Amino acid sequence: MSITKYLLSGIVLFIMSMGITVCDEQELEIFKASEFRITSDETLDILNIEYPQYVYTANKDIIDIILQNGDIILTSVSKGRTEVYIGDSIGLSNRARIIIYVDGTGKINIEGINKYDGKGVNANIKYAVTVNGIIGNEIAQTRIDLQMNGTHFIVTNNMDVTSWFKNIPSGLTAKIFEMFASDPAIGPNEVYIQFSGVPLSASSEEIIIVVPGSNAGRNWDVYFNTRSDARYNIIE
């Protein structure tokens, strides 16, 4: 074989190999959303959840999650690792955490499940409340009352608890202004909180509250029952 033919054949092989590599990389980069379903029949055995009520996604850019007729449906959005939380209507401190990894093809991989037995704790928003506001305008201070049975709050007056409100519209803050203890020897089991600030985003969602274990006398976080009449109403 002449040097010219040798070089030409080498170039052809190089181009072909590059083509294969490019195709392989393109195939790997194709992301197709997939669904993973935990049926209502499986939730008790797998998650220790009898009546799932509450679903919370740590990162909606990776996983979307909905509760549909008792089934928990996960849908991949993009590649990455995140966590999903499901709470029991018996008491939302009884919950499960699912650790999820979505690969580059959109496949959902369950990496771990942690179960938290918190049926002895019942955490509620005491009364109906609507946080009204218009984007860019300061809201009227709005009060929300929280009550826990089976444990107590570890907090102080004027404490900033904005981080408890997982879907609070940006620009708003929440601070404790008063507490009540049915048994002062144990500690407060009710806290009264005020919302204030200038909202920067719209919302019509139900209020989602998670109190860290360090503020709830527990080794785990306490999830509050949601209610349809406790929500944000921030409009443009």
C-alpha atoms as a PDB file:
ATOM      1  CA  MET A   1       0.000   0.000   0.000  1.00  0.00           C
ATOM      2  CA  SER A   2       1.344   3.428  -0.942  1.00  0.00           C
ATOM      3  CA  ILE A   3       1.842   6.157   1.634  1.00  0.00           C
ATOM      4  CA  THR A   4      -0.983   8.163  -0.009  1.00  0.00           C
ATOM      5  CA  LYS A   5      -3.412   5.259   0.195  1.00  0.00           C
ATOM      6  CA  TYR A   6      -2.298   4.558   3.757  1.00  0.00           C
ATOM      7  CA  LEU A   7      -2.907   8.149   4.764  1.00  0.00           C
ATOM      8  CA  LEU A   8      -6.291   8.228   3.014  1.00  0.00           C
ATOM      9  CA  SER A   9      -7.429   5.015   4.655  1.00  0.00           C
ATOM     10  CA  GLY A  10      -6.283   6.344   8.014  1.00  0.00           C
ATOM     11  CA  ILE A  11      -8.237   9.550   7.531  1.00  0.00           C
ATOM     12  CA  VAL A  12     -11.351   7.591   6.561  1.00  0.00           C
ATOM     13  CA  LEU A  13     -11.052   5.385   9.631  1.00  0.00           C
ATOM     14  CA  PHE A  14     -10.500   8.441  11.828  1.00  0.00           C
ATOM     15  CA  ILE A  15     -13.586  10.188  10.426  1.00  0.00           C
ATOM     16  CA  MET A  16     -15.662   7.033  10.838  1.00  0.00           C
ATOM     17  CA  SER A  17     -14.528   6.610  14.439  1.00  0.00           C
ATOM     18  CA  MET A  18     -15.291  10.262  15.136  1.00  0.00           C
ATOM     19  CA  GLY A  19     -18.738   9.796  13.647  1.00  0.00           C
ATOM     20  CA  ILE A  20     -19.386   6.819  15.883  1.00  0.00           C
ATOM     21  CA  THR A  21     -18.149   8.748  18.926  1.00  0.00           C
ATOM     22  CA  VAL A  22     -20.325  11.738  18.111  1.00  0.00           C
ATOM     23  CA  CYS A  23     -23.356   9.513  17.618  1.00  0.00           C
ATOM     24  CA  ASP A  24     -22.667   7.735  20.916  1.00  0.00           C
ATOM     25  CA  GLU A  25     -22.340  11.034  22.754  1.00  0.00           C
ATOM     26  CA  GLN A  26     -25.501  12.347  21.140  1.00  0.00           C
ATOM     27  CA  GLU A  27     -27.385   9.227  22.209  1.00  0.00           C
ATOM     28  CA  LEU A  28     -26.111   9.596  25.768  1.00  0.00           C
ATOM     29  CA  GLU A  29     -27.227  13.211  25.859  1.00  0.00           C
ATOM     30  CA  ILE A  30     -30.812  12.436  24.853  1.00  0.00           C
ATOM     31  CA  PHE A  31     -33.012  12.934  27.921  1.00  0.00           C
ATOM     32  CA  LYS A  32     -36.464  11.369  27.955  1.00  0.00           C
ATOM     33  CA  ALA A  33     -38.749  12.025  30.909  1.00  0.00           C
ATOM     34  CA  SER A  34     -39.797   8.844  32.677  1.00  0.00           C
ATOM     35  CA  GLU A  35     -42.334   7.979  35.364  1.00  0.00           C
ATOM     36  CA  PHE A  36     -41.968   5.963  38.548  1.00  0.00           C
ATOM     37  CA  ARG A  37     -45.155   5.081  40.400  1.00  0.00           C
ATOM     38  CA  ILE A  38     -45.631   3.865  43.971  1.00  0.00           C
ATOM     39  CA  THR A  39     -49.178   2.571  44.170  1.00  0.00           C
ATOM     40  CA  SER A  40     -51.509   3.091  47.100  1.00  0.00           C
ATOM     41  CA  ASP A  41     -51.218  -0.644  47.835  1.00  0.00           C
ATOM     42  CA  GLU A  42     -47.432  -0.336  48.156  1.00  0.00           C
ATOM     43  CA  THR A  43     -47.129   2.781  50.313  1.00  0.00           C
ATOM     44  CA  LEU A  44     -47.678   1.021  53.635  1.00  0.00           C
ATOM     45  CA  ASP A  45     -45.227  -1.803  52.949  1.00  0.00           C
ATOM     46  CA  ILE A  46     -42.571   0.338  51.297  1.00  0.00           C
ATOM     47  CA  LEU A  47     -42.905   3.717  53.016  1.00  0.00           C
ATOM     48  CA  ASN A  48     -44.765   2.987  56.273  1.00  0.00           C
ATOM     49  CA  ILE A  49     -47.395   5.479  55.063  1.00  0.00           C
ATOM     50  CA  GLU A  50     -51.024   4.453  55.449  1.00  0.00           C
ATOM     51  CA  TYR A  51     -52.804   7.440  53.961  1.00  0.00           C
ATOM     52  CA  PRO A  52     -50.399   9.658  51.992  1.00  0.00           C
ATOM     53  CA  GLN A  53     -51.468  13.281  52.028  1.00  0.00           C
ATOM     54  CA  TYR A  54     -48.368  15.393  51.716  1.00  0.00           C
ATOM     55  CA  VAL A  55     -45.739  15.319  48.979  1.00  0.00           C
ATOM     56  CA  TYR A  56     -42.754  17.632  48.816  1.00  0.00           C
ATOM     57  CA  THR A  57     -39.943  17.725  46.276  1.00  0.00           C
ATOM     58  CA  ALA A  58     -36.614  19.120  47.428  1.00  0.00           C
ATOM     59  CA  ASN A  59     -35.691  20.112  43.862  1.00  0.00           C
ATOM     60  CA  LYS A  60     -38.479  20.487  41.292  1.00  0.00           C
ATOM     61  CA  ASP A  61     -35.883  21.001  38.567  1.00  0.00           C
ATOM     62  CA  ILE A  62     -34.931  17.319  38.903  1.00  0.00           C
ATOM     63  CA  ILE A  63     -38.124  15.523  39.950  1.00  0.00           C
ATOM     64  CA  ASP A  64     -41.789  16.412  39.774  1.00  0.00           C
ATOM     65  CA  ILE A  65     -44.076  14.567  42.175  1.00  0.00           C
ATOM     66  CA  ILE A  66     -47.850  14.368  42.500  1.00  0.00           C
ATOM     67  CA  LEU A  67     -50.317  12.445  44.630  1.00  0.00           C
ATOM     68  CA  GLN A  68     -53.042  10.914  42.476  1.00  0.00           C
ATOM     69  CA  ASN A  69     -55.794   8.738  43.980  1.00  0.00           C
ATOM     70  CA  GLY A  70     -53.400   7.464  46.607  1.00  0.00           C
ATOM     71  CA  ASP A  71     -50.627   6.717  44.106  1.00  0.00           C
ATOM     72  CA  ILE A  72     -47.347   8.623  44.340  1.00  0.00           C
ATOM     73  CA  ILE A  73     -46.102   9.488  40.853  1.00  0.00           C
ATOM     74  CA  LEU A  74     -42.544  10.682  40.244  1.00  0.00           C
ATOM     75  CA  THR A  75     -41.602  12.180  36.881  1.00  0.00           C
ATOM     76  CA  SER A  76     -38.033  12.999  35.895  1.00  0.00           C
ATOM     77  CA  VAL A  77     -37.329  16.562  34.770  1.00  0.00           C
ATOM     78  CA  SER A  78     -33.546  16.693  34.430  1.00  0.00           C
ATOM     79  CA  LYS A  79     -30.397  14.845  35.495  1.00  0.00           C
ATOM     80  CA  GLY A  80     -29.384  15.066  39.145  1.00  0.00           C
ATOM     81  CA  ARG A  81     -29.878  13.827  42.702  1.00  0.00           C
ATOM     82  CA  THR A  82     -32.585  15.050  45.076  1.00  0.00           C
ATOM     83  CA  GLU A  83     -35.003  13.997  47.800  1.00  0.00           C
ATOM     84  CA  VAL A  84     -38.757  13.537  47.962  1.00  0.00           C
ATOM     85  CA  TYR A  85     -40.837  13.598  51.147  1.00  0.00           C
ATOM     86  CA  ILE A  86     -44.223  11.968  51.705  1.00  0.00           C
ATOM     87  CA  GLY A  87     -46.314  12.540  54.824  1.00  0.00           C
ATOM     88  CA  ASP A  88     -49.138  10.532  56.367  1.00  0.00           C
ATOM     89  CA  SER A  89     -52.524  12.160  57.003  1.00  0.00           C
ATOM     90  CA  ILE A  90     -52.545  10.387  60.386  1.00  0.00           C
ATOM     91  CA  GLY A  91     -49.743  12.726  61.412  1.00  0.00           C
ATOM     92  CA  LEU A  92     -47.365  14.322  58.989  1.00  0.00           C
ATOM     93  CA  SER A  93     -44.390  13.717  61.238  1.00  0.00           C
ATOM     94  CA  ASN A  94     -44.927  10.105  60.211  1.00  0.00           C
ATOM     95  CA  ARG A  95     -43.239  10.326  56.855  1.00  0.00           C
ATOM     96  CA  ALA A  96     -40.771   8.864  54.409  1.00  0.00           C
ATOM     97  CA  ARG A  97     -37.809  10.366  52.553  1.00  0.00           C
ATOM     98  CA  ILE A  98     -36.873   8.933  49.172  1.00  0.00           C
ATOM     99  CA  ILE A  99     -33.390   9.635  47.800  1.00  0.00           C
ATOM    100  CA  ILE A 100     -33.516   9.767  44.012  1.00  0.00           C
ATOM    101  CA  TYR A 101     -30.974   9.976  41.229  1.00  0.00           C
ATOM    102  CA  VAL A 102     -32.069  10.793  37.678  1.00  0.00           C
ATOM    103  CA  ASP A 103     -29.469   9.735  35.110  1.00  0.00           C
ATOM    104  CA  GLY A 104     -28.703  11.370  31.779  1.00  0.00           C
ATOM    105  CA  THR A 105     -31.355   9.333  29.964  1.00  0.00           C
ATOM    106  CA  GLY A 106     -34.130  10.408  32.341  1.00  0.00           C
ATOM    107  CA  LYS A 107     -34.323   7.093  34.200  1.00  0.00           C
ATOM    108  CA  ILE A 108     -35.348   7.401  37.871  1.00  0.00           C
ATOM    109  CA  ASN A 109     -33.154   5.438  40.281  1.00  0.00           C
ATOM    110  CA  ILE A 110     -34.206   4.987  43.923  1.00  0.00           C
ATOM    111  CA  GLU A 111     -31.006   5.141  45.985  1.00  0.00           C
ATOM    112  CA  GLY A 112     -32.542   4.910  49.423  1.00  0.00           C
ATOM    113  CA  ILE A 113     -35.674   5.192  51.553  1.00  0.00           C
ATOM    114  CA  ASN A 114     -35.744   6.490  55.125  1.00  0.00           C
ATOM    115  CA  LYS A 115     -38.857   6.001  57.254  1.00  0.00           C
ATOM    116  CA  TYR A 116     -39.687   8.220  60.230  1.00  0.00           C
ATOM    117  CA  ASP A 117     -42.220   6.946  62.743  1.00  0.00           C
ATOM    118  CA  GLY A 118     -43.841  10.090  64.081  1.00  0.00           C
ATOM    119  CA  LYS A 119     -47.432   8.983  64.621  1.00  0.00           C
ATOM    120  CA  GLY A 120     -47.296  10.270  68.188  1.00  0.00           C
ATOM    121  CA  VAL A 121     -46.949  13.852  66.928  1.00  0.00           C
ATOM    122  CA  ASN A 122     -49.819  15.785  65.397  1.00  0.00           C
ATOM    123  CA  ALA A 123     -48.982  19.202  63.999  1.00  0.00           C
ATOM    124  CA  ASN A 124     -51.645  21.553  62.677  1.00  0.00           C
ATOM    125  CA  ILE A 125     -52.356  25.043  61.410  1.00  0.00           C
ATOM    126  CA  LYS A 126     -55.060  26.010  63.903  1.00  0.00           C
ATOM    127  CA  TYR A 127     -57.197  28.324  61.825  1.00  0.00           C
ATOM    128  CA  ALA A 128     -57.945  29.253  58.245  1.00  0.00           C
ATOM    129  CA  VAL A 129     -55.611  31.963  56.975  1.00  0.00           C
ATOM    130  CA  THR A 130     -54.942  33.648  53.648  1.00  0.00           C
ATOM    131  CA  VAL A 131     -51.771  35.633  53.049  1.00  0.00           C
ATOM    132  CA  ASN A 132     -52.976  38.258  50.584  1.00  0.00           C
ATOM    133  CA  GLY A 133     -50.727  40.549  48.599  1.00  0.00           C
ATOM    134  CA  ILE A 134     -49.675  42.078  45.315  1.00  0.00           C
ATOM    135  CA  ILE A 135     -46.191  41.657  43.866  1.00  0.00           C
ATOM    136  CA  GLY A 136     -44.061  44.694  44.666  1.00  0.00           C
ATOM    137  CA  ASN A 137     -46.344  45.986  47.430  1.00  0.00           C
ATOM    138  CA  GLU A 138     -45.937  45.490  51.167  1.00  0.00           C
ATOM    139  CA  ILE A 139     -48.530  43.094  52.574  1.00  0.00           C
ATOM    140  CA  ALA A 140     -50.665  43.716  55.633  1.00  0.00           C
ATOM    141  CA  GLN A 141     -49.164  41.749  58.519  1.00  0.00           C
ATOM    142  CA  THR A 142     -50.934  38.397  58.614  1.00  0.00           C
ATOM    143  CA  ARG A 143     -51.078  35.992  61.535  1.00  0.00           C
ATOM    144  CA  ILE A 144     -50.828  32.200  61.439  1.00  0.00           C
ATOM    145  CA  ASP A 145     -51.175  29.980  64.540  1.00  0.00           C
ATOM    146  CA  LEU A 146     -49.369  26.641  64.757  1.00  0.00           C
ATOM    147  CA  GLN A 147     -50.081  23.869  67.249  1.00  0.00           C
ATOM    148  CA  MET A 148     -48.200  20.641  68.007  1.00  0.00           C
ATOM    149  CA  ASN A 149     -49.469  17.778  70.148  1.00  0.00           C
ATOM    150  CA  GLY A 150     -47.031  15.121  71.306  1.00  0.00           C
ATOM    151  CA  THR A 151     -44.040  17.454  71.433  1.00  0.00           C
ATOM    152  CA  HIS A 152     -43.207  21.138  71.969  1.00  0.00           C
ATOM    153  CA  PHE A 153     -41.550  24.077  70.265  1.00  0.00           C
ATOM    154  CA  ILE A 154     -38.030  25.192  71.164  1.00  0.00           C
ATOM    155  CA  VAL A 155     -38.115  28.800  70.028  1.00  0.00           C
ATOM    156  CA  THR A 156     -37.897  32.419  71.225  1.00  0.00           C
ATOM    157  CA  ASN A 157     -40.022  35.489  70.666  1.00  0.00           C
ATOM    158  CA  ASN A 158     -39.194  37.493  67.532  1.00  0.00           C
ATOM    159  CA  MET A 159     -37.395  34.469  66.095  1.00  0.00           C
ATOM    160  CA  ASP A 160     -37.211  34.421  62.300  1.00  0.00           C
ATOM    161  CA  VAL A 161     -38.844  31.183  61.127  1.00  0.00           C
ATOM    162  CA  THR A 162     -39.143  31.981  57.419  1.00  0.00           C
ATOM    163  CA  SER A 163     -37.255  28.767  56.603  1.00  0.00           C
ATOM    164  CA  TRP A 164     -40.115  26.724  58.123  1.00  0.00           C
ATOM    165  CA  PHE A 165     -42.395  27.826  55.272  1.00  0.00           C
ATOM    166  CA  LYS A 166     -41.140  25.761  52.370  1.00  0.00           C
ATOM    167  CA  ASN A 167     -43.101  27.470  49.605  1.00  0.00           C
ATOM    168  CA  ILE A 168     -43.263  31.008  50.969  1.00  0.00           C
ATOM    169  CA  PRO A 169     -43.206  33.592  48.142  1.00  0.00           C
ATOM    170  CA  SER A 170     -39.828  35.300  47.855  1.00  0.00           C
ATOM    171  CA  GLY A 171     -39.674  38.643  49.637  1.00  0.00           C
ATOM    172  CA  LEU A 172     -41.851  37.581  52.580  1.00  0.00           C
ATOM    173  CA  THR A 173     -40.635  36.776  56.093  1.00  0.00           C
ATOM    174  CA  ALA A 174     -42.223  35.011  59.055  1.00  0.00           C
ATOM    175  CA  LYS A 175     -41.452  35.759  62.709  1.00  0.00           C
ATOM    176  CA  ILE A 176     -42.770  34.461  66.022  1.00  0.00           C
ATOM    177  CA  PHE A 177     -44.445  37.141  68.105  1.00  0.00           C
ATOM    178  CA  GLU A 178     -46.085  35.076  70.852  1.00  0.00           C
ATOM    179  CA  MET A 179     -46.156  31.552  72.343  1.00  0.00           C
ATOM    180  CA  PHE A 180     -48.493  29.491  74.506  1.00  0.00           C
ATOM    181  CA  ALA A 181     -47.794  26.434  76.668  1.00  0.00           C
ATOM    182  CA  SER A 182     -50.629  24.226  77.895  1.00  0.00           C
ATOM    183  CA  ASP A 183     -48.016  22.781  80.278  1.00  0.00           C
ATOM    184  CA  PRO A 184     -45.347  25.426  81.084  1.00  0.00           C
ATOM    185  CA  ALA A 185     -43.093  22.753  82.588  1.00  0.00           C
ATOM    186  CA  ILE A 186     -42.727  21.143  79.150  1.00  0.00           C
ATOM    187  CA  GLY A 187     -42.621  24.152  76.862  1.00  0.00           C
ATOM    188  CA  PRO A 188     -44.843  25.918  74.330  1.00  0.00           C
ATOM    189  CA  ASN A 189     -47.035  23.752  72.142  1.00  0.00           C
ATOM    190  CA  GLU A 190     -48.446  26.732  70.230  1.00  0.00           C
ATOM    191  CA  VAL A 191     -46.703  29.575  68.430  1.00  0.00           C
ATOM    192  CA  TYR A 192     -48.199  32.622  66.770  1.00  0.00           C
ATOM    193  CA  ILE A 193     -46.381  33.914  63.712  1.00  0.00           C
ATOM    194  CA  GLN A 194     -46.683  37.001  61.541  1.00  0.00           C
ATOM    195  CA  PHE A 195     -45.971  37.284  57.850  1.00  0.00           C
ATOM    196  CA  SER A 196     -44.640  40.576  56.526  1.00  0.00           C
ATOM    197  CA  GLY A 197     -42.617  41.969  53.655  1.00  0.00           C
ATOM    198  CA  VAL A 198     -42.900  42.755  49.961  1.00  0.00           C
ATOM    199  CA  PRO A 199     -43.682  39.701  47.796  1.00  0.00           C
ATOM    200  CA  LEU A 200     -41.588  39.256  44.665  1.00  0.00           C
ATOM    201  CA  SER A 201     -43.402  36.217  43.251  1.00  0.00           C
ATOM    202  CA  ALA A 202     -47.018  35.156  42.826  1.00  0.00           C
ATOM    203  CA  SER A 203     -48.534  32.162  44.601  1.00  0.00           C
ATOM    204  CA  SER A 204     -51.904  30.539  45.225  1.00  0.00           C
ATOM    205  CA  GLU A 205     -50.502  27.432  46.947  1.00  0.00           C
ATOM    206  CA  GLU A 206     -51.466  25.887  50.255  1.00  0.00           C
ATOM    207  CA  ILE A 207     -48.996  26.797  53.009  1.00  0.00           C
ATOM    208  CA  ILE A 208     -46.369  24.079  53.543  1.00  0.00           C
ATOM    209  CA  ILE A 209     -44.643  24.038  56.934  1.00  0.00           C
ATOM    210  CA  VAL A 210     -41.765  21.870  58.158  1.00  0.00           C
ATOM    211  CA  VAL A 211     -40.352  22.590  61.618  1.00  0.00           C
ATOM    212  CA  PRO A 212     -36.759  21.352  62.102  1.00  0.00           C
ATOM    213  CA  GLY A 213     -36.309  18.743  64.795  1.00  0.00           C
ATOM    214  CA  SER A 214     -34.058  21.157  66.720  1.00  0.00           C
ATOM    215  CA  ASN A 215     -37.065  23.480  67.094  1.00  0.00           C
ATOM    216  CA  ALA A 216     -39.552  20.704  67.788  1.00  0.00           C
ATOM    217  CA  GLY A 217     -38.012  18.719  70.642  1.00  0.00           C
ATOM    218  CA  ARG A 218     -37.376  15.801  68.294  1.00  0.00           C
ATOM    219  CA  ASN A 219     -34.573  14.063  66.463  1.00  0.00           C
ATOM    220  CA  TRP A 220     -36.491  14.529  63.220  1.00  0.00           C
ATOM    221  CA  ASP A 221     -38.343  17.324  61.468  1.00  0.00           C
ATOM    222  CA  VAL A 222     -42.065  17.806  62.061  1.00  0.00           C
ATOM    223  CA  TYR A 223     -44.313  18.189  59.032  1.00  0.00           C
ATOM    224  CA  PHE A 224     -47.539  20.122  59.494  1.00  0.00           C
ATOM    225  CA  ASN A 225     -50.872  19.086  58.083  1.00  0.00           C
ATOM    226  CA  THR A 226     -51.822  21.262  55.150  1.00  0.00           C
ATOM    227  CA  ARG A 227     -55.321  22.637  54.807  1.00  0.00           C
ATOM    228  CA  SER A 228     -57.103  24.012  51.774  1.00  0.00           C
ATOM    229  CA  ASP A 229     -58.129  27.187  53.623  1.00  0.00           C
ATOM    230  CA  ALA A 230     -54.579  28.056  54.711  1.00  0.00           C
ATOM    231  CA  ARG A 231     -52.835  29.413  51.631  1.00  0.00           C
ATOM    232  CA  TYR A 232     -51.072  32.239  49.851  1.00  0.00           C
ATOM    233  CA  ASN A 233     -52.923  34.623  47.563  1.00  0.00           C
ATOM    234  CA  ILE A 234     -50.176  36.744  46.033  1.00  0.00           C
ATOM    235  CA  ILE A 235     -51.121  38.218  42.658  1.00  0.00           C
ATOM    236  CA  GLU A 236     -49.359  40.324  40.045  1.00  0.00           C
END
